[in-house]
PDB file of N, CA and C in Angstrom:
ATOM      1  N   MET A   1     114.393 111.280 118.836  1.00  0.00           N
ATOM      2  CA  MET A   1     115.411 110.460 119.033  1.00  0.00           C
ATOM      3  C   MET A   1     116.434 110.213 117.427  1.00  0.00           C
ATOM      4  N   ASP A   2     117.742 110.426 117.429  1.00  0.00           N
ATOM      5  CA  ASP A   2     118.181 110.396 116.583  1.00  0.00           C
ATOM      6  C   ASP A   2     118.723 109.124 116.047  1.00  0.00           C
ATOM      7  N   THR A   3     118.245 108.768 114.747  1.00  0.00           N
ATOM      8  CA  THR A   3     118.561 107.482 114.280  1.00  0.00           C
ATOM      9  C   THR A   3     119.290 107.312 113.096  1.00  0.00           C
ATOM     10  N   GLN A   4     119.891 106.115 112.754  1.00  0.00           N
ATOM     11  CA  GLN A   4     120.634 106.165 111.384  1.00  0.00           C
ATOM     12  C   GLN A   4     119.630 105.180 110.530  1.00  0.00           C
ATOM     13  N   GLU A   5     119.621 105.240 109.105  1.00  0.00           N
ATOM     14  CA  GLU A   5     118.973 104.337 108.368  1.00  0.00           C
ATOM     15  C   GLU A   5     120.142 103.120 108.053  1.00  0.00           C
ATOM     16  N   ILE A   6     119.550 101.927 108.176  1.00  0.00           N
ATOM     17  CA  ILE A   6     120.509 100.866 107.842  1.00  0.00           C
ATOM     18  C   ILE A   6     120.384 100.307 106.382  1.00  0.00           C
ATOM     19  N   ALA A   7     121.453 100.119 105.885  1.00  0.00           N
ATOM     20  CA  ALA A   7     121.555  99.683 104.626  1.00  0.00           C
ATOM     21  C   ALA A   7     122.303  98.091 104.636  1.00  0.00           C
ATOM     22  N   LEU A   8     122.255  97.563 103.599  1.00  0.00           N
ATOM     23  CA  LEU A   8     123.047  96.454 103.007  1.00  0.00           C
ATOM     24  C   LEU A   8     124.556  96.453 103.341  1.00  0.00           C
ATOM     25  N   GLY A   9     125.241  95.853 104.018  1.00  0.00           N
ATOM     26  CA  GLY A   9     126.905  95.944 104.110  1.00  0.00           C
ATOM     27  C   GLY A   9     126.914  96.654 105.188  1.00  0.00           C
ATOM     28  N   ASP A  10     126.162  97.605 106.039  1.00  0.00           N
ATOM     29  CA  ASP A  10     126.562  98.462 107.029  1.00  0.00           C
ATOM     30  C   ASP A  10     127.273  97.567 108.109  1.00  0.00           C
ATOM     31  N   LYS A  11     128.342  98.086 109.154  1.00  0.00           N
ATOM     32  CA  LYS A  11     128.712  97.623 110.172  1.00  0.00           C
ATOM     33  C   LYS A  11     128.133  98.129 111.298  1.00  0.00           C
ATOM     34  N   VAL A  12     127.552  96.928 112.181  1.00  0.00           N
ATOM     35  CA  VAL A  12     126.805  97.569 113.218  1.00  0.00           C
ATOM     36  C   VAL A  12     127.088  97.024 114.538  1.00  0.00           C
ATOM     37  N   THR A  13     126.562  96.937 115.725  1.00  0.00           N
ATOM     38  CA  THR A  13     126.900  96.688 117.006  1.00  0.00           C
ATOM     39  C   THR A  13     125.565  96.058 117.603  1.00  0.00           C
ATOM     40  N   VAL A  14     125.741  95.190 118.400  1.00  0.00           N
ATOM     41  CA  VAL A  14     124.439  94.727 118.977  1.00  0.00           C
ATOM     42  C   VAL A  14     124.930  94.026 120.283  1.00  0.00           C
ATOM     43  N   LYS A  15     124.248  95.074 121.342  1.00  0.00           N
ATOM     44  CA  LYS A  15     124.592  94.621 122.696  1.00  0.00           C
ATOM     45  C   LYS A  15     123.661  93.470 123.244  1.00  0.00           C
ATOM     46  N   LYS A  16     124.454  92.730 124.122  1.00  0.00           N
ATOM     47  CA  LYS A  16     123.444  91.467 124.721  1.00  0.00           C
ATOM     48  C   LYS A  16     122.411  92.144 125.626  1.00  0.00           C
ATOM     49  N   ASN A  17     121.142  91.216 125.654  1.00  0.00           N
ATOM     50  CA  ASN A  17     120.130  91.609 126.439  1.00  0.00           C
ATOM     51  C   ASN A  17     119.122  90.047 126.459  1.00  0.00           C
ATOM     52  N   ALA A  18     118.038  90.350 126.852  1.00  0.00           N
ATOM     53  CA  ALA A  18     117.037  89.126 126.660  1.00  0.00           C
ATOM     54  C   ALA A  18     116.907  88.787 125.696  1.00  0.00           C
ATOM     55  N   ASP A  19     116.872  89.381 124.775  1.00  0.00           N
ATOM     56  CA  ASP A  19     116.703  88.687 123.345  1.00  0.00           C
ATOM     57  C   ASP A  19     117.866  88.562 122.394  1.00  0.00           C
ATOM     58  N   VAL A  20     119.142  89.021 122.773  1.00  0.00           N
ATOM     59  CA  VAL A  20     120.161  88.849 122.110  1.00  0.00           C
ATOM     60  C   VAL A  20     121.206  87.949 123.146  1.00  0.00           C
ATOM     61  N   PRO A  21     121.694  86.722 122.787  1.00  0.00           N
ATOM     62  CA  PRO A  21     122.567  86.012 123.647  1.00  0.00           C
ATOM     63  C   PRO A  21     123.969  86.647 123.861  1.00  0.00           C
ATOM     64  N   LEU A  22     124.328  87.337 122.943  1.00  0.00           N
ATOM     65  CA  LEU A  22     125.927  87.873 122.942  1.00  0.00           C
ATOM     66  C   LEU A  22     125.872  89.264 122.465  1.00  0.00           C
ATOM     67  N   THR A  23     126.659  90.070 122.847  1.00  0.00           N
ATOM     68  CA  THR A  23     127.329  91.265 122.270  1.00  0.00           C
ATOM     69  C   THR A  23     128.413  90.813 121.076  1.00  0.00           C
ATOM     70  N   PHE A  24     128.162  91.723 120.197  1.00  0.00           N
ATOM     71  CA  PHE A  24     128.832  91.585 118.755  1.00  0.00           C
ATOM     72  C   PHE A  24     128.698  92.596 117.985  1.00  0.00           C
ATOM     73  N   LYS A  25     129.529  92.586 117.326  1.00  0.00           N
ATOM     74  CA  LYS A  25     129.819  93.677 116.216  1.00  0.00           C
ATOM     75  C   LYS A  25     129.429  92.514 114.729  1.00  0.00           C
ATOM     76  N   GLY A  26     128.890  93.108 113.713  1.00  0.00           N
ATOM     77  CA  GLY A  26     128.329  92.485 112.730  1.00  0.00           C
ATOM     78  C   GLY A  26     128.228  93.252 111.530  1.00  0.00           C
ATOM     79  N   THR A  27     127.624  92.573 110.209  1.00  0.00           N
ATOM     80  CA  THR A  27     127.469  93.347 109.005  1.00  0.00           C
ATOM     81  C   THR A  27     126.041  92.937 108.610  1.00  0.00           C
ATOM     82  N   VAL A  28     125.269  93.856 107.895  1.00  0.00           N
ATOM     83  CA  VAL A  28     124.143  93.648 107.537  1.00  0.00           C
ATOM     84  C   VAL A  28     123.999  92.827 106.476  1.00  0.00           C
ATOM     85  N   GLU A  29     123.059  91.726 106.423  1.00  0.00           N
ATOM     86  CA  GLU A  29     123.145  90.869 105.056  1.00  0.00           C
ATOM     87  C   GLU A  29     121.853  91.279 104.521  1.00  0.00           C
ATOM     88  N   LYS A  30     120.948  90.982 105.175  1.00  0.00           N
ATOM     89  CA  LYS A  30     119.504  91.175 104.595  1.00  0.00           C
ATOM     90  C   LYS A  30     118.516  91.933 105.923  1.00  0.00           C
ATOM     91  N   ILE A  31     117.579  92.893 104.940  1.00  0.00           N
ATOM     92  CA  ILE A  31     116.760  93.930 106.065  1.00  0.00           C
ATOM     93  C   ILE A  31     115.329  93.067 105.831  1.00  0.00           C
ATOM     94  N   TYR A  32     114.651  92.965 106.824  1.00  0.00           N
ATOM     95  CA  TYR A  32     113.229  92.650 107.123  1.00  0.00           C
ATOM     96  C   TYR A  32     112.480  94.158 107.640  1.00  0.00           C
ATOM     97  N   VAL A  33     111.226  93.788 107.861  1.00  0.00           N
ATOM     98  CA  VAL A  33     110.612  94.784 108.289  1.00  0.00           C
ATOM     99  C   VAL A  33     110.873  95.427 109.551  1.00  0.00           C
ATOM    100  N   ASN A  34     110.965  94.622 110.652  1.00  0.00           N
ATOM    101  CA  ASN A  34     111.444  94.954 112.053  1.00  0.00           C
ATOM    102  C   ASN A  34     113.079  94.534 112.538  1.00  0.00           C
ATOM    103  N   SER A  35     113.715  94.050 111.567  1.00  0.00           N
ATOM    104  CA  SER A  35     114.709  93.396 111.842  1.00  0.00           C
ATOM    105  C   SER A  35     115.710  93.213 110.712  1.00  0.00           C
ATOM    106  N   ALA A  36     117.194  92.698 110.983  1.00  0.00           N
ATOM    107  CA  ALA A  36     118.132  92.507 110.170  1.00  0.00           C
ATOM    108  C   ALA A  36     118.609  90.911 110.242  1.00  0.00           C
ATOM    109  N   LEU A  37     119.175  90.530 109.142  1.00  0.00           N
ATOM    110  CA  LEU A  37     119.842  89.276 109.198  1.00  0.00           C
ATOM    111  C   LEU A  37     121.242  89.816 109.266  1.00  0.00           C
ATOM    112  N   LEU A  38     122.172  89.655 110.710  1.00  0.00           N
ATOM    113  CA  LEU A  38     123.407  90.105 110.669  1.00  0.00           C
ATOM    114  C   LEU A  38     124.217  88.856 110.505  1.00  0.00           C
ATOM    115  N   THR A  39     125.474  89.282 109.988  1.00  0.00           N
ATOM    116  CA  THR A  39     126.808  88.378 109.974  1.00  0.00           C
ATOM    117  C   THR A  39     127.439  88.671 111.195  1.00  0.00           C
ATOM    118  N   ILE A  40     127.905  87.623 112.167  1.00  0.00           N
ATOM    119  CA  ILE A  40     128.437  87.840 113.461  1.00  0.00           C
ATOM    120  C   ILE A  40     129.917  87.976 113.030  1.00  0.00           C
ATOM    121  N   ASP A  41     130.541  89.366 113.228  1.00  0.00           N
ATOM    122  CA  ASP A  41     132.228  89.442 112.587  1.00  0.00           C
ATOM    123  C   ASP A  41     133.329  89.358 113.975  1.00  0.00           C
ATOM    124  N   ASP A  42     132.839  89.861 115.043  1.00  0.00           N
ATOM    125  CA  ASP A  42     133.587  90.345 115.842  1.00  0.00           C
ATOM    126  C   ASP A  42     132.726  89.933 117.563  1.00  0.00           C
ATOM    127  N   PHE A  43     133.523  89.264 118.198  1.00  0.00           N
ATOM    128  CA  PHE A  43     132.913  88.713 119.616  1.00  0.00           C
ATOM    129  C   PHE A  43     133.766  88.389 120.523  1.00  0.00           C
ATOM    130  N   ASP A  44     133.049  88.369 121.521  1.00  0.00           N
ATOM    131  CA  ASP A  44     134.096  87.970 122.958  1.00  0.00           C
ATOM    132  C   ASP A  44     134.409  86.315 122.496  1.00  0.00           C
ATOM    133  N   SER A  45     135.496  86.072 123.236  1.00  0.00           N
ATOM    134  CA  SER A  45     135.953  84.606 122.769  1.00  0.00           C
ATOM    135  C   SER A  45     135.000  83.435 123.514  1.00  0.00           C
ATOM    136  N   GLU A  46     134.723  84.157 124.940  1.00  0.00           N
ATOM    137  CA  GLU A  46     133.730  83.335 125.514  1.00  0.00           C
ATOM    138  C   GLU A  46     132.436  82.808 124.888  1.00  0.00           C
ATOM    139  N   ASP A  47     132.070  83.785 123.815  1.00  0.00           N
ATOM    140  CA  ASP A  47     130.977  83.358 123.252  1.00  0.00           C
ATOM    141  C   ASP A  47     131.211  82.516 122.117  1.00  0.00           C
ATOM    142  N   ALA A  48     132.062  81.946 121.684  1.00  0.00           N
ATOM    143  CA  ALA A  48     132.471  81.325 120.581  1.00  0.00           C
ATOM    144  C   ALA A  48     131.213  79.853 120.277  1.00  0.00           C
ATOM    145  N   VAL A  49     130.967  79.316 121.215  1.00  0.00           N
ATOM    146  CA  VAL A  49     130.413  78.395 121.063  1.00  0.00           C
ATOM    147  C   VAL A  49     128.800  78.791 120.596  1.00  0.00           C
ATOM    148  N   VAL A  50     128.307  79.994 121.128  1.00  0.00           N
ATOM    149  CA  VAL A  50     127.215  80.510 120.616  1.00  0.00           C
ATOM    150  C   VAL A  50     127.107  80.975 119.495  1.00  0.00           C
ATOM    151  N   VAL A  51     128.236  81.528 118.784  1.00  0.00           N
ATOM    152  CA  VAL A  51     128.454  81.992 117.586  1.00  0.00           C
ATOM    153  C   VAL A  51     128.475  81.081 116.468  1.00  0.00           C
ATOM    154  N   ASP A  52     129.105  79.760 117.142  1.00  0.00           N
ATOM    155  CA  ASP A  52     129.102  78.788 116.155  1.00  0.00           C
ATOM    156  C   ASP A  52     127.608  77.967 115.937  1.00  0.00           C
ATOM    157  N   ASP A  53     127.106  78.017 117.242  1.00  0.00           N
ATOM    158  CA  ASP A  53     125.600  77.214 117.093  1.00  0.00           C
ATOM    159  C   ASP A  53     124.763  78.031 115.774  1.00  0.00           C
ATOM    160  N   LEU A  54     125.083  79.391 116.183  1.00  0.00           N
ATOM    161  CA  LEU A  54     124.364  80.232 115.338  1.00  0.00           C
ATOM    162  C   LEU A  54     124.881  80.482 113.924  1.00  0.00           C
ATOM    163  N   LYS A  55     125.887  79.453 113.472  1.00  0.00           N
ATOM    164  CA  LYS A  55     126.407  79.572 112.155  1.00  0.00           C
ATOM    165  C   LYS A  55     126.875  80.803 111.948  1.00  0.00           C
ATOM    166  N   ASN A  56     127.242  81.585 112.698  1.00  0.00           N
ATOM    167  CA  ASN A  56     127.832  83.084 112.624  1.00  0.00           C
ATOM    168  C   ASN A  56     126.837  84.106 111.989  1.00  0.00           C
ATOM    169  N   LYS A  57     125.699  83.857 111.830  1.00  0.00           N
ATOM    170  CA  LYS A  57     124.598  84.679 111.740  1.00  0.00           C
ATOM    171  C   LYS A  57     123.237  84.470 112.395  1.00  0.00           C
ATOM    172  N   THR A  58     122.626  85.820 112.416  1.00  0.00           N
ATOM    173  CA  THR A  58     121.487  86.013 113.769  1.00  0.00           C
ATOM    174  C   THR A  58     120.786  87.029 113.106  1.00  0.00           C
ATOM    175  N   VAL A  59     119.247  86.803 113.467  1.00  0.00           N
ATOM    176  CA  VAL A  59     118.489  87.999 112.910  1.00  0.00           C
ATOM    177  C   VAL A  59     118.191  88.756 114.375  1.00  0.00           C
ATOM    178  N   VAL A  60     118.250  90.127 114.148  1.00  0.00           N
ATOM    179  CA  VAL A  60     118.356  91.208 115.334  1.00  0.00           C
ATOM    180  C   VAL A  60     117.196  92.080 115.046  1.00  0.00           C
ATOM    181  N   ASN A  61     116.293  92.356 115.872  1.00  0.00           N
ATOM    182  CA  ASN A  61     115.326  93.343 115.973  1.00  0.00           C
ATOM    183  C   ASN A  61     116.225  94.736 115.816  1.00  0.00           C
ATOM    184  N   PHE A  62     115.408  95.635 114.985  1.00  0.00           N
ATOM    185  CA  PHE A  62     116.188  97.102 115.006  1.00  0.00           C
ATOM    186  C   PHE A  62     116.525  97.749 116.393  1.00  0.00           C
ATOM    187  N   LYS A  63     115.577  97.489 117.517  1.00  0.00           N
ATOM    188  CA  LYS A  63     115.834  97.913 118.359  1.00  0.00           C
ATOM    189  C   LYS A  63     116.982  97.791 119.250  1.00  0.00           C
ATOM    190  N   HIS A  64     117.436  96.549 118.970  1.00  0.00           N
ATOM    191  CA  HIS A  64     118.901  96.167 119.492  1.00  0.00           C
ATOM    192  C   HIS A  64     120.166  96.284 118.739  1.00  0.00           C
ATOM    193  N   ILE A  65     119.972  97.253 117.568  1.00  0.00           N
ATOM    194  CA  ILE A  65     121.120  97.296 116.664  1.00  0.00           C
ATOM    195  C   ILE A  65     121.426  98.685 116.858  1.00  0.00           C
ATOM    196  N   ARG A  66     122.986  99.150 116.670  1.00  0.00           N
ATOM    197  CA  ARG A  66     123.119 100.293 116.949  1.00  0.00           C
ATOM    198  C   ARG A  66     124.489 100.446 115.579  1.00  0.00           C
ATOM    199  N   LYS A  67     124.593 101.754 115.173  1.00  0.00           N
ATOM    200  CA  LYS A  67     125.128 102.232 113.830  1.00  0.00           C
ATOM    201  C   LYS A  67     125.661 103.341 114.232  1.00  0.00           C
ATOM    202  N   GLY A  68     127.119 103.194 114.483  1.00  0.00           N
ATOM    203  CA  GLY A  68     127.831 104.644 115.037  1.00  0.00           C
ATOM    204  C   GLY A  68     127.236 104.991 116.363  1.00  0.00           C
ATOM    205  N   GLY A  69     126.851 103.889 117.424  1.00  0.00           N
ATOM    206  CA  GLY A  69     126.472 104.590 118.440  1.00  0.00           C
ATOM    207  C   GLY A  69     125.140 104.813 118.336  1.00  0.00           C
ATOM    208  N   LYS A  70     124.143 105.019 117.363  1.00  0.00           N
ATOM    209  CA  LYS A  70     122.908 105.490 117.454  1.00  0.00           C
ATOM    210  C   LYS A  70     121.954 104.339 116.739  1.00  0.00           C
ATOM    211  N   PRO A  71     120.965 104.547 117.453  1.00  0.00           N
ATOM    212  CA  PRO A  71     119.749 103.428 117.164  1.00  0.00           C
ATOM    213  C   PRO A  71     119.479 103.365 115.477  1.00  0.00           C
ATOM    214  N   VAL A  72     118.976 102.355 114.948  1.00  0.00           N
ATOM    215  CA  VAL A  72     118.881 102.051 113.264  1.00  0.00           C
ATOM    216  C   VAL A  72     117.097 102.367 112.989  1.00  0.00           C
ATOM    217  N   THR A  73     116.912 102.557 112.061  1.00  0.00           N
ATOM    218  CA  THR A  73     115.643 102.419 111.310  1.00  0.00           C
ATOM    219  C   THR A  73     115.706 102.080 110.002  1.00  0.00           C
ATOM    220  N   ALA A  74     114.706 101.003 109.408  1.00  0.00           N
ATOM    221  CA  ALA A  74     114.611 100.493 108.295  1.00  0.00           C
ATOM    222  C   ALA A  74     114.682 101.478 107.263  1.00  0.00           C
ATOM    223  N   PRO A  75     115.277 101.124 106.097  1.00  0.00           N
ATOM    224  CA  PRO A  75     115.346 102.132 104.825  1.00  0.00           C
ATOM    225  C   PRO A  75     114.043 102.452 104.246  1.00  0.00           C
ATOM    226  N   LYS A  76     113.588 103.649 104.037  1.00  0.00           N
ATOM    227  CA  LYS A  76     112.313 103.875 103.564  1.00  0.00           C
ATOM    228  C   LYS A  76     112.154 103.225 102.155  1.00  0.00           C
ATOM    229  N   PRO A  77     110.770 102.604 102.239  1.00  0.00           N
ATOM    230  CA  PRO A  77     110.439 102.138 100.699  1.00  0.00           C
ATOM    231  C   PRO A  77     110.460 103.112  99.590  1.00  0.00           C
ATOM    232  N   GLU A  78     110.980 102.869  98.206  1.00  0.00           N
ATOM    233  CA  GLU A  78     110.973 103.995  97.504  1.00  0.00           C
ATOM    234  C   GLU A  78     109.794 104.935  96.778  1.00  0.00           C
ATOM    235  N   GLU A  79     108.616 104.126  97.308  1.00  0.00           N
ATOM    236  CA  GLU A  79     107.570 104.844  96.862  1.00  0.00           C
ATOM    237  C   GLU A  79     107.249 105.884  97.496  1.00  0.00           C
ATOM    238  N   ASP A  80     107.614 106.009  99.136  1.00  0.00           N
ATOM    239  CA  ASP A  80     107.561 107.008 100.311  1.00  0.00           C
ATOM    240  C   ASP A  80     108.504 108.068  99.853  1.00  0.00           C
ATOM    241  N   GLU A  81     109.327 107.847  99.275  1.00  0.00           N
ATOM    242  CA  GLU A  81     110.357 108.728  99.137  1.00  0.00           C
ATOM    243  C   GLU A  81     109.926 109.854  97.849  1.00  0.00           C
ATOM    244  N   LYS A  82     109.088 109.616  97.044  1.00  0.00           N
ATOM    245  CA  LYS A  82     108.411 110.149  95.933  1.00  0.00           C
ATOM    246  C   LYS A  82     107.601 111.311  96.526  1.00  0.00           C
ATOM    247  N   LYS A  83     107.095 110.807  97.377  1.00  0.00           N
ATOM    248  CA  LYS A  83     105.970 111.904  98.217  1.00  0.00           C
ATOM    249  C   LYS A  83     106.615 113.255  98.649  1.00  0.00           C
TER     250      LYS A  83
END
């Protein structure tokens, strides 16, 4: 499977599913082991109440994030890159 490495500041898309209450476009604010904190930048007006409740930020598992239409992976720790 072709994946994109995710980085701070990346513009990504998230599709609504059982774990995510809305479809939106966002920006990566912080990266965790299996997820990322995203700011919610662009969303359907019908989801405005949900976005407001979330204070325009949410944590989403990598499996639900797409960058350029492709699944994302966490950046490799620097120690791994030296091998």
